[in-house]
Amino acid sequence: MKATTTDEEGLLRVEDQVCFALYSTSRAITRQYAVLLEDMGITYPQYIALLVLWQRDGLLIQEIAGALELEPPTVTPLIQRLEKLGLVTRQRSREDERRVHVFLTARGRGYYRRALEIPRALGHATGVDRAAAKKLIAETKAIKEFIQEKS
């Protein structure tokens, strides 16, 4: 069988698609985070969970999942791994044992200081300064909100 080109006019070139630009950039940034987080011994998903907890400690797993736009069954093993690292503890709610609160340990709170350097280092690694990052965040949020309103 001979190879052919269906898209002869180049209307659906992968490199010209917004979806692929966002997807490939997200993957590249996540790989860069892996490098930046290596010294801390945590993964990118663990880092973003810690970001949520550094803003408000003692959240329910469901609240962490909501903040990360993930399902609670996805977040539970992530929190369990953070607990094994000694960064958080889990505590069942006294009112409802099905609900689990997550608290930072002293070590988890200490990681906050170490993480303060991450945004600047990422900016340096990507060539995106603080002002450009704020603009990019606003633009991607606007796209997401537009999609959600239309859904």
C-alpha atoms as a PDB file:
ATOM      1  CA  MET A   1       0.000   0.000   0.000  1.00  0.00           C
ATOM      2  CA  LYS A   2       1.330   3.416  -0.939  1.00  0.00           C
ATOM      3  CA  ALA A   3       1.320   6.314   1.538  1.00  0.00           C
ATOM      4  CA  THR A   4      -0.976   9.162   0.559  1.00  0.00           C
ATOM      5  CA  THR A   5      -1.968  12.560   1.881  1.00  0.00           C
ATOM      6  CA  THR A   6      -5.629  13.048   2.663  1.00  0.00           C
ATOM      7  CA  ASP A   7      -5.254  16.659   3.841  1.00  0.00           C
ATOM      8  CA  GLU A   8      -3.647  17.978   0.669  1.00  0.00           C
ATOM      9  CA  GLU A   9      -4.599  21.576   1.465  1.00  0.00           C
ATOM     10  CA  GLY A  10      -3.054  21.376   4.929  1.00  0.00           C
ATOM     11  CA  LEU A  11      -6.241  22.473   6.665  1.00  0.00           C
ATOM     12  CA  LEU A  12      -5.789  20.081   9.601  1.00  0.00           C
ATOM     13  CA  ARG A  13      -2.069  20.260  10.227  1.00  0.00           C
ATOM     14  CA  VAL A  14      -1.450  19.154  13.799  1.00  0.00           C
ATOM     15  CA  GLU A  15       1.004  21.992  14.456  1.00  0.00           C
ATOM     16  CA  ASP A  16      -1.708  24.544  13.531  1.00  0.00           C
ATOM     17  CA  GLN A  17      -4.280  23.268  16.047  1.00  0.00           C
ATOM     18  CA  VAL A  18      -4.926  25.097  19.326  1.00  0.00           C
ATOM     19  CA  CYS A  19      -5.581  21.773  21.043  1.00  0.00           C
ATOM     20  CA  PHE A  20      -2.168  20.414  20.098  1.00  0.00           C
ATOM     21  CA  ALA A  21      -0.377  23.639  21.039  1.00  0.00           C
ATOM     22  CA  LEU A  22      -1.949  23.542  24.506  1.00  0.00           C
ATOM     23  CA  TYR A  23      -1.399  19.791  24.890  1.00  0.00           C
ATOM     24  CA  SER A  24       2.251  19.783  23.838  1.00  0.00           C
ATOM     25  CA  THR A  25       3.039  22.891  25.867  1.00  0.00           C
ATOM     26  CA  SER A  26       1.372  21.367  28.928  1.00  0.00           C
ATOM     27  CA  ARG A  27       3.477  18.241  28.550  1.00  0.00           C
ATOM     28  CA  ALA A  28       6.678  20.288  28.167  1.00  0.00           C
ATOM     29  CA  ILE A  29       5.876  22.365  31.249  1.00  0.00           C
ATOM     30  CA  THR A  30       5.052  19.260  33.274  1.00  0.00           C
ATOM     31  CA  ARG A  31       8.425  17.768  32.264  1.00  0.00           C
ATOM     32  CA  GLN A  32      10.111  20.984  33.406  1.00  0.00           C
ATOM     33  CA  TYR A  33       8.295  20.801  36.732  1.00  0.00           C
ATOM     34  CA  ALA A  34       9.625  17.256  37.146  1.00  0.00           C
ATOM     35  CA  VAL A  35      13.152  18.673  36.923  1.00  0.00           C
ATOM     36  CA  LEU A  36      12.391  21.524  39.329  1.00  0.00           C
ATOM     37  CA  LEU A  37      10.655  19.277  41.863  1.00  0.00           C
ATOM     38  CA  GLU A  38      13.255  16.508  41.800  1.00  0.00           C
ATOM     39  CA  ASP A  39      15.181  17.942  44.769  1.00  0.00           C
ATOM     40  CA  MET A  40      11.973  18.027  46.805  1.00  0.00           C
ATOM     41  CA  GLY A  41      11.216  14.401  45.931  1.00  0.00           C
ATOM     42  CA  ILE A  42       7.676  15.118  44.783  1.00  0.00           C
ATOM     43  CA  THR A  43       5.813  14.849  41.500  1.00  0.00           C
ATOM     44  CA  TYR A  44       3.895  17.567  39.695  1.00  0.00           C
ATOM     45  CA  PRO A  45       0.487  16.199  40.823  1.00  0.00           C
ATOM     46  CA  GLN A  46       1.764  16.112  44.411  1.00  0.00           C
ATOM     47  CA  TYR A  47       3.020  19.682  44.025  1.00  0.00           C
ATOM     48  CA  ILE A  48      -0.338  21.028  42.875  1.00  0.00           C
ATOM     49  CA  ALA A  49      -2.091  19.235  45.744  1.00  0.00           C
ATOM     50  CA  LEU A  50       0.366  20.896  48.131  1.00  0.00           C
ATOM     51  CA  LEU A  51      -0.333  24.261  46.476  1.00  0.00           C
ATOM     52  CA  VAL A  52      -3.992  23.848  47.447  1.00  0.00           C
ATOM     53  CA  LEU A  53      -3.128  22.847  51.019  1.00  0.00           C
ATOM     54  CA  TRP A  54      -0.674  25.728  51.453  1.00  0.00           C
ATOM     55  CA  GLN A  55      -3.595  28.056  50.745  1.00  0.00           C
ATOM     56  CA  ARG A  56      -5.934  26.287  53.181  1.00  0.00           C
ATOM     57  CA  ASP A  57      -4.954  23.388  55.398  1.00  0.00           C
ATOM     58  CA  GLY A  58      -7.418  20.789  56.666  1.00  0.00           C
ATOM     59  CA  LEU A  59      -9.474  20.482  53.499  1.00  0.00           C
ATOM     60  CA  LEU A  60     -11.601  17.479  52.694  1.00  0.00           C
ATOM     61  CA  ILE A  61     -10.364  15.266  49.894  1.00  0.00           C
ATOM     62  CA  GLN A  62     -13.467  16.327  47.931  1.00  0.00           C
ATOM     63  CA  GLU A  63     -12.458  19.983  48.332  1.00  0.00           C
ATOM     64  CA  ILE A  64      -8.922  19.291  47.137  1.00  0.00           C
ATOM     65  CA  ALA A  65     -10.350  17.386  44.170  1.00  0.00           C
ATOM     66  CA  GLY A  66     -12.638  20.319  43.367  1.00  0.00           C
ATOM     67  CA  ALA A  67      -9.773  22.812  43.497  1.00  0.00           C
ATOM     68  CA  LEU A  68      -7.703  20.610  41.173  1.00  0.00           C
ATOM     69  CA  GLU A  69     -10.677  19.847  38.912  1.00  0.00           C
ATOM     70  CA  LEU A  70     -10.211  16.118  39.498  1.00  0.00           C
ATOM     71  CA  GLU A  71     -12.437  13.352  40.814  1.00  0.00           C
ATOM     72  CA  PRO A  72     -11.978  12.372  44.498  1.00  0.00           C
ATOM     73  CA  PRO A  73     -10.973   8.781  43.573  1.00  0.00           C
ATOM     74  CA  THR A  74      -8.074  10.285  41.605  1.00  0.00           C
ATOM     75  CA  VAL A  75      -6.982  12.497  44.495  1.00  0.00           C
ATOM     76  CA  THR A  76      -7.134   9.848  47.226  1.00  0.00           C
ATOM     77  CA  PRO A  77      -4.049   7.870  46.075  1.00  0.00           C
ATOM     78  CA  LEU A  78      -2.219  11.141  45.498  1.00  0.00           C
ATOM     79  CA  ILE A  79      -2.876  12.162  49.110  1.00  0.00           C
ATOM     80  CA  GLN A  80      -1.885   8.699  50.312  1.00  0.00           C
ATOM     81  CA  ARG A  81       1.490   9.080  48.580  1.00  0.00           C
ATOM     82  CA  LEU A  82       1.961  12.508  50.198  1.00  0.00           C
ATOM     83  CA  GLU A  83       1.187  10.900  53.541  1.00  0.00           C
ATOM     84  CA  LYS A  84       3.825   8.204  52.943  1.00  0.00           C
ATOM     85  CA  LEU A  85       6.313  11.002  52.258  1.00  0.00           C
ATOM     86  CA  GLY A  86       5.429  12.520  55.631  1.00  0.00           C
ATOM     87  CA  LEU A  87       4.035  15.722  54.118  1.00  0.00           C
ATOM     88  CA  VAL A  88       0.376  15.335  55.123  1.00  0.00           C
ATOM     89  CA  THR A  89      -1.804  13.405  57.521  1.00  0.00           C
ATOM     90  CA  ARG A  90      -5.371  12.242  56.946  1.00  0.00           C
ATOM     91  CA  GLN A  91      -8.036  12.436  59.585  1.00  0.00           C
ATOM     92  CA  ARG A  92     -11.595  11.114  59.388  1.00  0.00           C
ATOM     93  CA  SER A  93     -14.307  13.643  60.147  1.00  0.00           C
ATOM     94  CA  ARG A  94     -15.944  13.233  63.544  1.00  0.00           C
ATOM     95  CA  GLU A  95     -19.329  14.090  62.041  1.00  0.00           C
ATOM     96  CA  ASP A  96     -19.100  11.743  59.057  1.00  0.00           C
ATOM     97  CA  GLU A  97     -16.421   9.035  58.915  1.00  0.00           C
ATOM     98  CA  ARG A  98     -16.711   8.876  55.117  1.00  0.00           C
ATOM     99  CA  ARG A  99     -15.218  12.355  54.909  1.00  0.00           C
ATOM    100  CA  VAL A 100     -11.447  12.667  55.226  1.00  0.00           C
ATOM    101  CA  HIS A 101      -9.628  15.898  56.111  1.00  0.00           C
ATOM    102  CA  VAL A 102      -6.041  16.413  54.953  1.00  0.00           C
ATOM    103  CA  PHE A 103      -3.585  18.355  57.103  1.00  0.00           C
ATOM    104  CA  LEU A 104      -0.043  19.424  56.364  1.00  0.00           C
ATOM    105  CA  THR A 105       2.633  18.079  58.674  1.00  0.00           C
ATOM    106  CA  ALA A 106       5.472  20.302  59.873  1.00  0.00           C
ATOM    107  CA  ARG A 107       7.536  18.858  57.035  1.00  0.00           C
ATOM    108  CA  GLY A 108       4.755  19.645  54.527  1.00  0.00           C
ATOM    109  CA  ARG A 109       4.565  23.232  55.788  1.00  0.00           C
ATOM    110  CA  GLY A 110       8.365  23.416  55.526  1.00  0.00           C
ATOM    111  CA  TYR A 111       8.180  22.512  51.851  1.00  0.00           C
ATOM    112  CA  TYR A 112       6.326  25.791  51.307  1.00  0.00           C
ATOM    113  CA  ARG A 113       9.568  27.738  51.741  1.00  0.00           C
ATOM    114  CA  ARG A 114      11.347  25.434  49.320  1.00  0.00           C
ATOM    115  CA  ALA A 115       8.543  25.803  46.764  1.00  0.00           C
ATOM    116  CA  LEU A 116       8.647  29.598  46.751  1.00  0.00           C
ATOM    117  CA  GLU A 117      11.485  29.421  44.232  1.00  0.00           C
ATOM    118  CA  ILE A 118       9.591  27.152  41.795  1.00  0.00           C
ATOM    119  CA  PRO A 119       7.531  29.806  39.919  1.00  0.00           C
ATOM    120  CA  ARG A 120      10.604  31.973  39.282  1.00  0.00           C
ATOM    121  CA  ALA A 121      12.643  28.962  38.195  1.00  0.00           C
ATOM    122  CA  LEU A 122       9.865  27.853  35.852  1.00  0.00           C
ATOM    123  CA  GLY A 123       9.692  31.359  34.393  1.00  0.00           C
ATOM    124  CA  HIS A 124      13.429  31.286  33.807  1.00  0.00           C
ATOM    125  CA  ALA A 125      13.233  27.815  32.218  1.00  0.00           C
ATOM    126  CA  THR A 126      10.349  28.755  29.918  1.00  0.00           C
ATOM    127  CA  GLY A 127      11.190  32.362  29.112  1.00  0.00           C
ATOM    128  CA  VAL A 128       7.823  33.462  30.529  1.00  0.00           C
ATOM    129  CA  ASP A 129       8.115  36.348  32.990  1.00  0.00           C
ATOM    130  CA  ARG A 130       5.551  37.137  35.680  1.00  0.00           C
ATOM    131  CA  ALA A 131       3.567  39.601  33.531  1.00  0.00           C
ATOM    132  CA  ALA A 132       3.419  37.214  30.570  1.00  0.00           C
ATOM    133  CA  ALA A 133       2.429  34.362  32.903  1.00  0.00           C
ATOM    134  CA  LYS A 134      -0.476  36.390  34.319  1.00  0.00           C
ATOM    135  CA  LYS A 135      -1.660  37.208  30.799  1.00  0.00           C
ATOM    136  CA  LEU A 136      -1.353  33.577  29.689  1.00  0.00           C
ATOM    137  CA  ILE A 137      -3.262  32.367  32.761  1.00  0.00           C
ATOM    138  CA  ALA A 138      -6.041  34.895  32.104  1.00  0.00           C
ATOM    139  CA  GLU A 139      -6.292  33.873  28.440  1.00  0.00           C
ATOM    140  CA  THR A 140      -6.458  30.150  29.164  1.00  0.00           C
ATOM    141  CA  LYS A 141      -9.021  30.714  31.946  1.00  0.00           C
ATOM    142  CA  ALA A 142     -11.152  32.730  29.525  1.00  0.00           C
ATOM    143  CA  ILE A 143     -11.062  29.880  27.002  1.00  0.00           C
ATOM    144  CA  LYS A 144     -12.050  27.347  29.663  1.00  0.00           C
ATOM    145  CA  GLU A 145     -14.878  29.551  30.963  1.00  0.00           C
ATOM    146  CA  PHE A 146     -16.184  30.098  27.437  1.00  0.00           C
ATOM    147  CA  ILE A 147     -16.231  26.334  26.830  1.00  0.00           C
ATOM    148  CA  GLN A 148     -17.966  25.704  30.159  1.00  0.00           C
ATOM    149  CA  GLU A 149     -20.624  28.319  29.431  1.00  0.00           C
ATOM    150  CA  LYS A 150     -21.364  26.712  26.054  1.00  0.00           C
ATOM    151  CA  SER A 151     -21.536  23.187  27.485  1.00  0.00           C
END
